[in-house]
PDB file of N, CA and C in Angstrom:
ATOM      1  N   UNK A   1      95.947  50.412 -91.689  1.00  0.00           N
ATOM      2  CA  UNK A   1      95.001  50.097 -92.367  1.00  0.00           C
ATOM      3  C   UNK A   1      94.779  51.042 -93.993  1.00  0.00           C
ATOM      4  N   UNK A   2      95.216  50.920 -95.209  1.00  0.00           N
ATOM      5  CA  UNK A   2      94.934  51.889 -95.848  1.00  0.00           C
ATOM      6  C   UNK A   2      93.815  52.162 -96.215  1.00  0.00           C
ATOM      7  N   UNK A   3      93.165  53.531 -97.015  1.00  0.00           N
ATOM      8  CA  UNK A   3      92.315  54.023 -97.192  1.00  0.00           C
ATOM      9  C   UNK A   3      92.015  53.670 -98.651  1.00  0.00           C
ATOM     10  N   UNK A   4      90.498  53.342 -98.776  1.00  0.00           N
ATOM     11  CA  UNK A   4      90.250  52.646-100.399  1.00  0.00           C
ATOM     12  C   UNK A   4      90.089  53.827-101.042  1.00  0.00           C
ATOM     13  N   UNK A   5      90.530  53.498-102.108  1.00  0.00           N
ATOM     14  CA  UNK A   5      90.153  54.347-103.359  1.00  0.00           C
ATOM     15  C   UNK A   5      88.917  54.620-104.053  1.00  0.00           C
ATOM     16  N   UNK A   6      88.177  55.229-104.131  1.00  0.00           N
ATOM     17  CA  UNK A   6      86.949  54.795-105.439  1.00  0.00           C
ATOM     18  C   UNK A   6      87.173  55.590-106.978  1.00  0.00           C
ATOM     19  N   UNK A   7      87.043  54.908-107.882  1.00  0.00           N
ATOM     20  CA  UNK A   7      87.578  55.162-109.358  1.00  0.00           C
ATOM     21  C   UNK A   7      86.248  56.357-109.254  1.00  0.00           C
ATOM     22  N   UNK A   8      86.694  56.716-110.240  1.00  0.00           N
ATOM     23  CA  UNK A   8      85.677  57.928-111.176  1.00  0.00           C
ATOM     24  C   UNK A   8      85.171  56.844-112.474  1.00  0.00           C
ATOM     25  N   UNK A   9      83.870  57.309-112.653  1.00  0.00           N
ATOM     26  CA  UNK A   9      83.110  56.759-113.925  1.00  0.00           C
ATOM     27  C   UNK A   9      84.313  56.830-114.944  1.00  0.00           C
ATOM     28  N   UNK A  10      83.795  55.891-115.927  1.00  0.00           N
ATOM     29  CA  UNK A  10      85.332  55.252-116.810  1.00  0.00           C
ATOM     30  C   UNK A  10      84.246  55.522-117.827  1.00  0.00           C
ATOM     31  N   UNK A  11      83.255  56.292-118.364  1.00  0.00           N
ATOM     32  CA  UNK A  11      82.636  56.862-119.526  1.00  0.00           C
ATOM     33  C   UNK A  11      81.565  57.930-119.167  1.00  0.00           C
ATOM     34  N   UNK A  12      82.192  59.058-119.496  1.00  0.00           N
ATOM     35  CA  UNK A  12      81.686  60.348-119.247  1.00  0.00           C
ATOM     36  C   UNK A  12      80.097  60.525-119.277  1.00  0.00           C
ATOM     37  N   UNK A  13      78.990  60.495-118.131  1.00  0.00           N
ATOM     38  CA  UNK A  13      77.654  60.523-118.624  1.00  0.00           C
ATOM     39  C   UNK A  13      77.337  61.794-119.749  1.00  0.00           C
ATOM     40  N   UNK A  14      76.338  61.496-120.520  1.00  0.00           N
ATOM     41  CA  UNK A  14      75.832  62.133-121.620  1.00  0.00           C
ATOM     42  C   UNK A  14      74.412  62.796-121.754  1.00  0.00           C
ATOM     43  N   UNK A  15      74.242  63.778-122.220  1.00  0.00           N
ATOM     44  CA  UNK A  15      72.756  64.215-122.080  1.00  0.00           C
ATOM     45  C   UNK A  15      71.879  63.253-123.580  1.00  0.00           C
ATOM     46  N   UNK A  16      70.942  62.658-123.178  1.00  0.00           N
ATOM     47  CA  UNK A  16      70.475  61.916-124.654  1.00  0.00           C
ATOM     48  C   UNK A  16      68.951  62.167-124.958  1.00  0.00           C
ATOM     49  N   UNK A  17      69.098  63.428-124.367  1.00  0.00           N
ATOM     50  CA  UNK A  17      67.293  63.701-124.804  1.00  0.00           C
ATOM     51  C   UNK A  17      67.322  64.593-125.540  1.00  0.00           C
ATOM     52  N   UNK A  18      66.226  64.247-127.009  1.00  0.00           N
ATOM     53  CA  UNK A  18      66.069  64.835-128.210  1.00  0.00           C
ATOM     54  C   UNK A  18      65.885  66.100-127.983  1.00  0.00           C
ATOM     55  N   UNK A  19      65.129  66.022-127.138  1.00  0.00           N
ATOM     56  CA  UNK A  19      64.356  67.232-127.013  1.00  0.00           C
ATOM     57  C   UNK A  19      64.610  68.323-125.838  1.00  0.00           C
ATOM     58  N   UNK A  20      65.199  69.221-125.688  1.00  0.00           N
ATOM     59  CA  UNK A  20      65.403  69.889-124.541  1.00  0.00           C
ATOM     60  C   UNK A  20      64.052  70.633-123.547  1.00  0.00           C
ATOM     61  N   UNK A  21      63.432  70.319-122.613  1.00  0.00           N
ATOM     62  CA  UNK A  21      62.705  70.878-122.049  1.00  0.00           C
ATOM     63  C   UNK A  21      62.613  72.455-121.714  1.00  0.00           C
ATOM     64  N   UNK A  22      62.025  73.016-121.841  1.00  0.00           N
ATOM     65  CA  UNK A  22      61.991  74.806-121.056  1.00  0.00           C
ATOM     66  C   UNK A  22      62.088  74.692-119.932  1.00  0.00           C
ATOM     67  N   UNK A  23      63.093  75.912-119.220  1.00  0.00           N
ATOM     68  CA  UNK A  23      62.815  75.959-118.054  1.00  0.00           C
ATOM     69  C   UNK A  23      61.680  75.933-116.898  1.00  0.00           C
ATOM     70  N   UNK A  24      60.985  75.937-116.269  1.00  0.00           N
ATOM     71  CA  UNK A  24      59.779  76.541-115.575  1.00  0.00           C
ATOM     72  C   UNK A  24      59.600  77.634-115.491  1.00  0.00           C
ATOM     73  N   UNK A  25      59.040  78.258-115.031  1.00  0.00           N
ATOM     74  CA  UNK A  25      58.394  79.941-115.423  1.00  0.00           C
ATOM     75  C   UNK A  25      57.194  79.485-114.563  1.00  0.00           C
ATOM     76  N   UNK A  26      57.133  80.602-113.407  1.00  0.00           N
ATOM     77  CA  UNK A  26      56.136  80.696-112.476  1.00  0.00           C
ATOM     78  C   UNK A  26      55.922  82.332-112.704  1.00  0.00           C
ATOM     79  N   UNK A  27      54.645  82.630-112.808  1.00  0.00           N
ATOM     80  CA  UNK A  27      53.852  83.511-113.274  1.00  0.00           C
ATOM     81  C   UNK A  27      53.904  84.207-112.029  1.00  0.00           C
ATOM     82  N   UNK A  28      54.238  85.846-112.222  1.00  0.00           N
ATOM     83  CA  UNK A  28      54.292  86.461-110.732  1.00  0.00           C
ATOM     84  C   UNK A  28      53.042  86.817-110.501  1.00  0.00           C
ATOM     85  N   UNK A  29      52.159  86.935-111.165  1.00  0.00           N
ATOM     86  CA  UNK A  29      50.674  87.405-110.992  1.00  0.00           C
ATOM     87  C   UNK A  29      50.075  86.791-109.719  1.00  0.00           C
ATOM     88  N   UNK A  30      50.918  85.106-109.828  1.00  0.00           N
ATOM     89  CA  UNK A  30      50.578  83.954-108.399  1.00  0.00           C
ATOM     90  C   UNK A  30      51.120  84.489-106.703  1.00  0.00           C
ATOM     91  N   UNK A  31      51.942  85.669-107.150  1.00  0.00           N
ATOM     92  CA  UNK A  31      52.388  86.371-105.987  1.00  0.00           C
ATOM     93  C   UNK A  31      51.296  87.258-105.074  1.00  0.00           C
ATOM     94  N   UNK A  32      50.165  87.583-106.525  1.00  0.00           N
ATOM     95  CA  UNK A  32      49.726  89.042-105.760  1.00  0.00           C
ATOM     96  C   UNK A  32      48.996  88.753-104.861  1.00  0.00           C
ATOM     97  N   UNK A  33      48.437  89.874-104.438  1.00  0.00           N
ATOM     98  CA  UNK A  33      47.310  89.938-102.933  1.00  0.00           C
ATOM     99  C   UNK A  33      45.901  89.395-103.499  1.00  0.00           C
ATOM    100  N   UNK A  34      45.577  90.030-105.258  1.00  0.00           N
ATOM    101  CA  UNK A  34      44.498  89.334-105.784  1.00  0.00           C
ATOM    102  C   UNK A  34      44.345  87.506-105.737  1.00  0.00           C
ATOM    103  N   UNK A  35      45.211  87.739-106.438  1.00  0.00           N
ATOM    104  CA  UNK A  35      45.288  85.937-106.507  1.00  0.00           C
ATOM    105  C   UNK A  35      45.226  84.831-105.113  1.00  0.00           C
ATOM    106  N   UNK A  36      45.921  86.003-104.178  1.00  0.00           N
ATOM    107  CA  UNK A  36      45.920  85.052-103.184  1.00  0.00           C
ATOM    108  C   UNK A  36      45.132  84.932-102.462  1.00  0.00           C
ATOM    109  N   UNK A  37      43.879  86.053-102.606  1.00  0.00           N
ATOM    110  CA  UNK A  37      42.374  85.985-101.797  1.00  0.00           C
ATOM    111  C   UNK A  37      41.779  85.502-102.764  1.00  0.00           C
ATOM    112  N   UNK A  38      41.901  85.602-103.985  1.00  0.00           N
ATOM    113  CA  UNK A  38      40.726  83.891-105.188  1.00  0.00           C
ATOM    114  C   UNK A  38      41.075  83.145-104.327  1.00  0.00           C
ATOM    115  N   UNK A  39      41.902  82.320-104.154  1.00  0.00           N
ATOM    116  CA  UNK A  39      42.353  80.946-103.681  1.00  0.00           C
ATOM    117  C   UNK A  39      41.797  81.367-102.129  1.00  0.00           C
ATOM    118  N   UNK A  40      41.883  81.940-101.585  1.00  0.00           N
ATOM    119  CA  UNK A  40      41.089  81.493-100.338  1.00  0.00           C
ATOM    120  C   UNK A  40      40.197  81.300-100.199  1.00  0.00           C
ATOM    121  N   UNK A  41      39.546  82.433-100.839  1.00  0.00           N
ATOM    122  CA  UNK A  41      37.553  82.260-101.010  1.00  0.00           C
ATOM    123  C   UNK A  41      37.631  80.643-102.131  1.00  0.00           C
ATOM    124  N   UNK A  42      38.221  80.487-102.787  1.00  0.00           N
ATOM    125  CA  UNK A  42      37.698  78.966-103.452  1.00  0.00           C
ATOM    126  C   UNK A  42      37.974  77.733-102.808  1.00  0.00           C
ATOM    127  N   UNK A  43      38.686  77.647-101.836  1.00  0.00           N
ATOM    128  CA  UNK A  43      39.191  76.731-100.876  1.00  0.00           C
ATOM    129  C   UNK A  43      38.406  76.893 -99.647  1.00  0.00           C
ATOM    130  N   UNK A  44      38.041  78.297 -99.056  1.00  0.00           N
ATOM    131  CA  UNK A  44      36.928  78.242 -98.120  1.00  0.00           C
ATOM    132  C   UNK A  44      35.878  77.494 -98.429  1.00  0.00           C
ATOM    133  N   UNK A  45      35.362  78.529-100.130  1.00  0.00           N
ATOM    134  CA  UNK A  45      33.770  77.735-100.303  1.00  0.00           C
ATOM    135  C   UNK A  45      33.742  76.124-100.500  1.00  0.00           C
ATOM    136  N   UNK A  46      34.717  75.674-100.603  1.00  0.00           N
ATOM    137  CA  UNK A  46      34.621  74.208-100.727  1.00  0.00           C
ATOM    138  C   UNK A  46      34.740  73.553 -99.154  1.00  0.00           C
ATOM    139  N   UNK A  47      35.299  74.067 -98.150  1.00  0.00           N
ATOM    140  CA  UNK A  47      34.852  73.933 -96.722  1.00  0.00           C
ATOM    141  C   UNK A  47      36.471  73.409 -96.346  1.00  0.00           C
ATOM    142  N   UNK A  48      37.650  73.496 -97.549  1.00  0.00           N
ATOM    143  CA  UNK A  48      38.634  73.269 -96.819  1.00  0.00           C
ATOM    144  C   UNK A  48      39.232  71.582 -97.520  1.00  0.00           C
ATOM    145  N   UNK A  49      38.211  71.303 -98.689  1.00  0.00           N
ATOM    146  CA  UNK A  49      38.281  69.373 -99.069  1.00  0.00           C
ATOM    147  C   UNK A  49      38.220  69.618-100.865  1.00  0.00           C
ATOM    148  N   UNK A  50      39.137  68.684-101.182  1.00  0.00           N
ATOM    149  CA  UNK A  50      39.464  68.954-101.928  1.00  0.00           C
ATOM    150  C   UNK A  50      37.841  68.500-102.954  1.00  0.00           C
ATOM    151  N   UNK A  51      37.416  68.895-103.832  1.00  0.00           N
ATOM    152  CA  UNK A  51      36.111  69.109-104.546  1.00  0.00           C
ATOM    153  C   UNK A  51      36.114  67.874-105.682  1.00  0.00           C
ATOM    154  N   UNK A  52      36.942  67.165-106.262  1.00  0.00           N
ATOM    155  CA  UNK A  52      37.428  65.940-106.928  1.00  0.00           C
ATOM    156  C   UNK A  52      35.900  64.888-106.496  1.00  0.00           C
ATOM    157  N   UNK A  53      35.369  64.469-107.867  1.00  0.00           N
ATOM    158  CA  UNK A  53      33.716  63.778-107.266  1.00  0.00           C
ATOM    159  C   UNK A  53      34.389  62.349-109.109  1.00  0.00           C
ATOM    160  N   UNK A  54      34.290  61.381-108.255  1.00  0.00           N
ATOM    161  CA  UNK A  54      34.870  60.238-109.301  1.00  0.00           C
ATOM    162  C   UNK A  54      33.469  60.114-109.634  1.00  0.00           C
ATOM    163  N   UNK A  55      33.766  59.195-110.476  1.00  0.00           N
ATOM    164  CA  UNK A  55      33.168  58.256-111.572  1.00  0.00           C
ATOM    165  C   UNK A  55      31.379  58.082-110.660  1.00  0.00           C
ATOM    166  N   UNK A  56      31.544  57.168-109.201  1.00  0.00           N
ATOM    167  CA  UNK A  56      30.180  56.677-108.436  1.00  0.00           C
ATOM    168  C   UNK A  56      29.945  58.068-107.975  1.00  0.00           C
ATOM    169  N   UNK A  57      30.486  59.170-108.144  1.00  0.00           N
ATOM    170  CA  UNK A  57      30.066  60.440-107.256  1.00  0.00           C
ATOM    171  C   UNK A  57      30.303  60.396-106.052  1.00  0.00           C
ATOM    172  N   UNK A  58      31.665  59.928-105.595  1.00  0.00           N
ATOM    173  CA  UNK A  58      32.021  59.859-103.846  1.00  0.00           C
ATOM    174  C   UNK A  58      33.066  61.048-104.334  1.00  0.00           C
ATOM    175  N   UNK A  59      33.695  61.483-103.882  1.00  0.00           N
ATOM    176  CA  UNK A  59      34.082  63.024-103.317  1.00  0.00           C
ATOM    177  C   UNK A  59      35.391  62.203-102.376  1.00  0.00           C
ATOM    178  N   UNK A  60      36.363  63.535-102.811  1.00  0.00           N
ATOM    179  CA  UNK A  60      37.922  62.934-101.827  1.00  0.00           C
ATOM    180  C   UNK A  60      37.321  63.568-100.909  1.00  0.00           C
ATOM    181  N   UNK A  61      38.597  62.450-100.068  1.00  0.00           N
ATOM    182  CA  UNK A  61      37.936  62.845 -98.544  1.00  0.00           C
ATOM    183  C   UNK A  61      39.456  63.365 -97.947  1.00  0.00           C
ATOM    184  N   UNK A  62      40.562  64.021 -98.728  1.00  0.00           N
ATOM    185  CA  UNK A  62      41.545  64.787 -98.569  1.00  0.00           C
ATOM    186  C   UNK A  62      41.357  66.123 -97.829  1.00  0.00           C
ATOM    187  N   UNK A  63      41.381  66.764 -96.770  1.00  0.00           N
ATOM    188  CA  UNK A  63      41.082  67.963 -96.441  1.00  0.00           C
ATOM    189  C   UNK A  63      42.540  69.003 -96.153  1.00  0.00           C
ATOM    190  N   UNK A  64      42.183  70.331 -96.302  1.00  0.00           N
ATOM    191  CA  UNK A  64      44.079  71.011 -95.521  1.00  0.00           C
ATOM    192  C   UNK A  64      43.151  71.146 -93.826  1.00  0.00           C
ATOM    193  N   UNK A  65      44.224  71.298 -92.991  1.00  0.00           N
ATOM    194  CA  UNK A  65      45.556  71.173 -93.101  1.00  0.00           C
ATOM    195  C   UNK A  65      46.263  70.446 -93.376  1.00  0.00           C
ATOM    196  N   UNK A  66      45.899  68.810 -93.467  1.00  0.00           N
ATOM    197  CA  UNK A  66      46.880  67.652 -93.724  1.00  0.00           C
ATOM    198  C   UNK A  66      47.441  67.451 -94.871  1.00  0.00           C
ATOM    199  N   UNK A  67      46.534  67.781 -95.924  1.00  0.00           N
ATOM    200  CA  UNK A  67      46.737  67.770 -97.365  1.00  0.00           C
ATOM    201  C   UNK A  67      46.969  69.432 -98.048  1.00  0.00           C
ATOM    202  N   UNK A  68      48.226  69.461 -98.632  1.00  0.00           N
ATOM    203  CA  UNK A  68      48.111  70.560 -99.718  1.00  0.00           C
ATOM    204  C   UNK A  68      46.532  70.821-100.555  1.00  0.00           C
ATOM    205  N   UNK A  69      46.347  71.911-100.698  1.00  0.00           N
ATOM    206  CA  UNK A  69      45.046  72.205-101.630  1.00  0.00           C
ATOM    207  C   UNK A  69      45.330  73.379-102.782  1.00  0.00           C
ATOM    208  N   UNK A  70      45.145  72.778-103.774  1.00  0.00           N
ATOM    209  CA  UNK A  70      45.173  74.083-104.732  1.00  0.00           C
ATOM    210  C   UNK A  70      43.731  74.599-105.630  1.00  0.00           C
ATOM    211  N   UNK A  71      44.122  76.116-105.668  1.00  0.00           N
ATOM    212  CA  UNK A  71      42.902  76.366-105.575  1.00  0.00           C
ATOM    213  C   UNK A  71      43.329  76.305-107.404  1.00  0.00           C
ATOM    214  N   UNK A  72      41.923  75.421-108.094  1.00  0.00           N
ATOM    215  CA  UNK A  72      42.631  74.513-109.636  1.00  0.00           C
ATOM    216  C   UNK A  72      41.298  75.731-110.707  1.00  0.00           C
ATOM    217  N   UNK A  73      41.883  76.341-111.447  1.00  0.00           N
ATOM    218  CA  UNK A  73      40.989  76.947-112.662  1.00  0.00           C
ATOM    219  C   UNK A  73      40.470  75.995-113.213  1.00  0.00           C
ATOM    220  N   UNK A  74      39.027  76.175-113.147  1.00  0.00           N
ATOM    221  CA  UNK A  74      38.048  75.095-114.073  1.00  0.00           C
ATOM    222  C   UNK A  74      38.166  74.898-116.041  1.00  0.00           C
ATOM    223  N   UNK A  75      38.394  76.049-116.169  1.00  0.00           N
ATOM    224  CA  UNK A  75      38.799  76.323-117.141  1.00  0.00           C
ATOM    225  C   UNK A  75      39.742  77.530-117.051  1.00  0.00           C
ATOM    226  N   UNK A  76      41.083  76.565-117.617  1.00  0.00           N
ATOM    227  CA  UNK A  76      42.103  77.654-117.576  1.00  0.00           C
ATOM    228  C   UNK A  76      42.271  78.824-118.353  1.00  0.00           C
ATOM    229  N   UNK A  77      43.375  79.477-117.865  1.00  0.00           N
ATOM    230  CA  UNK A  77      43.531  81.086-118.273  1.00  0.00           C
ATOM    231  C   UNK A  77      44.097  80.775-119.389  1.00  0.00           C
ATOM    232  N   UNK A  78      44.856  79.882-119.837  1.00  0.00           N
ATOM    233  CA  UNK A  78      45.278  79.529-121.297  1.00  0.00           C
ATOM    234  C   UNK A  78      44.732  79.354-122.046  1.00  0.00           C
ATOM    235  N   UNK A  79      43.128  78.648-121.496  1.00  0.00           N
ATOM    236  CA  UNK A  79      41.841  78.673-122.517  1.00  0.00           C
ATOM    237  C   UNK A  79      40.495  79.524-122.556  1.00  0.00           C
ATOM    238  N   UNK A  80      40.950  80.508-121.741  1.00  0.00           N
ATOM    239  CA  UNK A  80      40.693  82.041-121.985  1.00  0.00           C
ATOM    240  C   UNK A  80      39.514  81.977-120.758  1.00  0.00           C
ATOM    241  N   UNK A  81      39.821  80.877-119.858  1.00  0.00           N
ATOM    242  CA  UNK A  81      38.959  81.217-117.707  1.00  0.00           C
ATOM    243  C   UNK A  81      39.564  82.492-117.747  1.00  0.00           C
ATOM    244  N   UNK A  82      38.389  82.973-116.473  1.00  0.00           N
ATOM    245  CA  UNK A  82      38.073  83.971-116.290  1.00  0.00           C
ATOM    246  C   UNK A  82      39.365  84.173-115.152  1.00  0.00           C
ATOM    247  N   UNK A  83      40.440  84.906-114.891  1.00  0.00           N
ATOM    248  CA  UNK A  83      41.543  84.488-114.018  1.00  0.00           C
ATOM    249  C   UNK A  83      41.274  85.004-112.565  1.00  0.00           C
ATOM    250  N   UNK A  84      40.325  85.784-111.919  1.00  0.00           N
ATOM    251  CA  UNK A  84      40.074  85.986-110.770  1.00  0.00           C
ATOM    252  C   UNK A  84      38.452  85.815-110.574  1.00  0.00           C
ATOM    253  N   UNK A  85      37.808  84.987-111.163  1.00  0.00           N
ATOM    254  CA  UNK A  85      36.014  84.751-111.068  1.00  0.00           C
ATOM    255  C   UNK A  85      36.400  83.546-109.994  1.00  0.00           C
ATOM    256  N   UNK A  86      35.729  83.576-108.935  1.00  0.00           N
ATOM    257  CA  UNK A  86      35.368  82.506-107.892  1.00  0.00           C
ATOM    258  C   UNK A  86      34.430  81.600-108.557  1.00  0.00           C
ATOM    259  N   UNK A  87      33.506  81.668-109.495  1.00  0.00           N
ATOM    260  CA  UNK A  87      33.099  80.612-109.971  1.00  0.00           C
ATOM    261  C   UNK A  87      34.026  79.530-110.875  1.00  0.00           C
ATOM    262  N   UNK A  88      34.918  80.174-111.652  1.00  0.00           N
ATOM    263  CA  UNK A  88      35.847  79.600-112.558  1.00  0.00           C
ATOM    264  C   UNK A  88      36.683  78.784-111.404  1.00  0.00           C
ATOM    265  N   UNK A  89      36.661  78.744-109.840  1.00  0.00           N
ATOM    266  CA  UNK A  89      38.009  77.795-109.381  1.00  0.00           C
ATOM    267  C   UNK A  89      37.044  76.811-108.727  1.00  0.00           C
ATOM    268  N   UNK A  90      38.268  75.887-108.310  1.00  0.00           N
ATOM    269  CA  UNK A  90      37.462  74.776-107.473  1.00  0.00           C
ATOM    270  C   UNK A  90      38.825  74.059-106.955  1.00  0.00           C
ATOM    271  N   UNK A  91      38.639  73.958-105.568  1.00  0.00           N
ATOM    272  CA  UNK A  91      39.624  73.288-104.307  1.00  0.00           C
ATOM    273  C   UNK A  91      40.462  71.558-104.448  1.00  0.00           C
ATOM    274  N   UNK A  92      41.434  71.303-104.969  1.00  0.00           N
ATOM    275  CA  UNK A  92      41.967  70.585-105.549  1.00  0.00           C
ATOM    276  C   UNK A  92      42.892  69.941-104.734  1.00  0.00           C
ATOM    277  N   UNK A  93      43.174  68.375-104.658  1.00  0.00           N
ATOM    278  CA  UNK A  93      44.195  67.740-103.591  1.00  0.00           C
ATOM    279  C   UNK A  93      45.518  67.766-104.757  1.00  0.00           C
ATOM    280  N   UNK A  94      46.277  67.796-104.523  1.00  0.00           N
ATOM    281  CA  UNK A  94      47.546  67.763-105.079  1.00  0.00           C
ATOM    282  C   UNK A  94      47.509  66.267-106.472  1.00  0.00           C
ATOM    283  N   UNK A  95      47.184  65.047-106.199  1.00  0.00           N
ATOM    284  CA  UNK A  95      46.846  63.837-107.015  1.00  0.00           C
ATOM    285  C   UNK A  95      45.777  64.929-108.034  1.00  0.00           C
ATOM    286  N   UNK A  96      44.436  65.248-107.271  1.00  0.00           N
ATOM    287  CA  UNK A  96      43.667  65.252-108.576  1.00  0.00           C
ATOM    288  C   UNK A  96      44.004  66.632-109.467  1.00  0.00           C
ATOM    289  N   UNK A  97      44.437  67.584-108.700  1.00  0.00           N
ATOM    290  CA  UNK A  97      44.475  68.969-109.399  1.00  0.00           C
ATOM    291  C   UNK A  97      45.952  68.091-111.087  1.00  0.00           C
ATOM    292  N   UNK A  98      47.177  67.393-110.177  1.00  0.00           N
ATOM    293  CA  UNK A  98      48.032  66.826-111.801  1.00  0.00           C
ATOM    294  C   UNK A  98      46.995  66.351-112.883  1.00  0.00           C
ATOM    295  N   UNK A  99      45.970  65.724-112.142  1.00  0.00           N
ATOM    296  CA  UNK A  99      45.139  64.788-113.437  1.00  0.00           C
ATOM    297  C   UNK A  99      44.529  66.149-114.398  1.00  0.00           C
ATOM    298  N   UNK A 100      43.804  67.086-113.234  1.00  0.00           N
ATOM    299  CA  UNK A 100      42.744  67.985-114.275  1.00  0.00           C
ATOM    300  C   UNK A 100      44.022  68.659-115.294  1.00  0.00           C
ATOM    301  N   UNK A 101      45.222  69.053-114.561  1.00  0.00           N
ATOM    302  CA  UNK A 101      45.572  69.722-115.386  1.00  0.00           C
ATOM    303  C   UNK A 101      46.357  69.229-116.438  1.00  0.00           C
ATOM    304  N   UNK A 102      47.136  67.944-116.298  1.00  0.00           N
ATOM    305  CA  UNK A 102      47.080  67.124-117.436  1.00  0.00           C
ATOM    306  C   UNK A 102      46.242  66.799-118.264  1.00  0.00           C
ATOM    307  N   UNK A 103      45.242  66.997-118.139  1.00  0.00           N
ATOM    308  CA  UNK A 103      43.641  66.500-119.013  1.00  0.00           C
ATOM    309  C   UNK A 103      43.992  67.077-119.573  1.00  0.00           C
ATOM    310  N   UNK A 104      43.385  69.296-118.886  1.00  0.00           N
ATOM    311  CA  UNK A 104      43.531  69.943-119.697  1.00  0.00           C
ATOM    312  C   UNK A 104      44.502  70.370-120.575  1.00  0.00           C
ATOM    313  N   UNK A 105      46.196  70.176-120.331  1.00  0.00           N
ATOM    314  CA  UNK A 105      47.028  69.808-121.541  1.00  0.00           C
ATOM    315  C   UNK A 105      46.927  69.171-122.571  1.00  0.00           C
ATOM    316  N   UNK A 106      46.863  68.135-122.508  1.00  0.00           N
ATOM    317  CA  UNK A 106      46.030  67.184-123.460  1.00  0.00           C
ATOM    318  C   UNK A 106      45.366  67.713-124.223  1.00  0.00           C
ATOM    319  N   UNK A 107      44.300  68.488-123.930  1.00  0.00           N
ATOM    320  CA  UNK A 107      43.280  68.614-124.753  1.00  0.00           C
ATOM    321  C   UNK A 107      43.690  70.029-125.575  1.00  0.00           C
ATOM    322  N   UNK A 108      44.788  70.414-124.798  1.00  0.00           N
ATOM    323  CA  UNK A 108      45.026  71.948-125.444  1.00  0.00           C
ATOM    324  C   UNK A 108      45.815  71.433-126.672  1.00  0.00           C
ATOM    325  N   UNK A 109      46.634  70.502-126.778  1.00  0.00           N
ATOM    326  CA  UNK A 109      47.533  70.044-127.533  1.00  0.00           C
ATOM    327  C   UNK A 109      46.773  69.488-128.489  1.00  0.00           C
ATOM    328  N   UNK A 110      45.736  68.659-128.533  1.00  0.00           N
ATOM    329  CA  UNK A 110      44.929  67.891-129.705  1.00  0.00           C
ATOM    330  C   UNK A 110      44.669  68.937-130.473  1.00  0.00           C
ATOM    331  N   UNK A 111      44.349  70.451-130.361  1.00  0.00           N
ATOM    332  CA  UNK A 111      43.763  71.243-130.834  1.00  0.00           C
ATOM    333  C   UNK A 111      44.549  72.237-131.474  1.00  0.00           C
TER     334      UNK A 111
END
């Protein structure tokens, strides 16, 4: 029985993006002992549970280690927030960390 051949694409793929995104950059600060200690403090203070509270006053139920928690700067460093001040941090699950970061980016873009 003869093998089937596959045909290559008839049209070459092209990048149609009008704006090229900058490559992702990870600040080396986030690998330091000081940052890791700040992160540990913020998450421990939250009881290893996401600190997001919805409009009805209900706190998110996601906890570590089942869910990864992020130490999120309440006032982002780019906006002048304290880098290692524990009071400027809160523990958030992935979903709520993304929402908070997107909201801060949106506000920063408007200014």
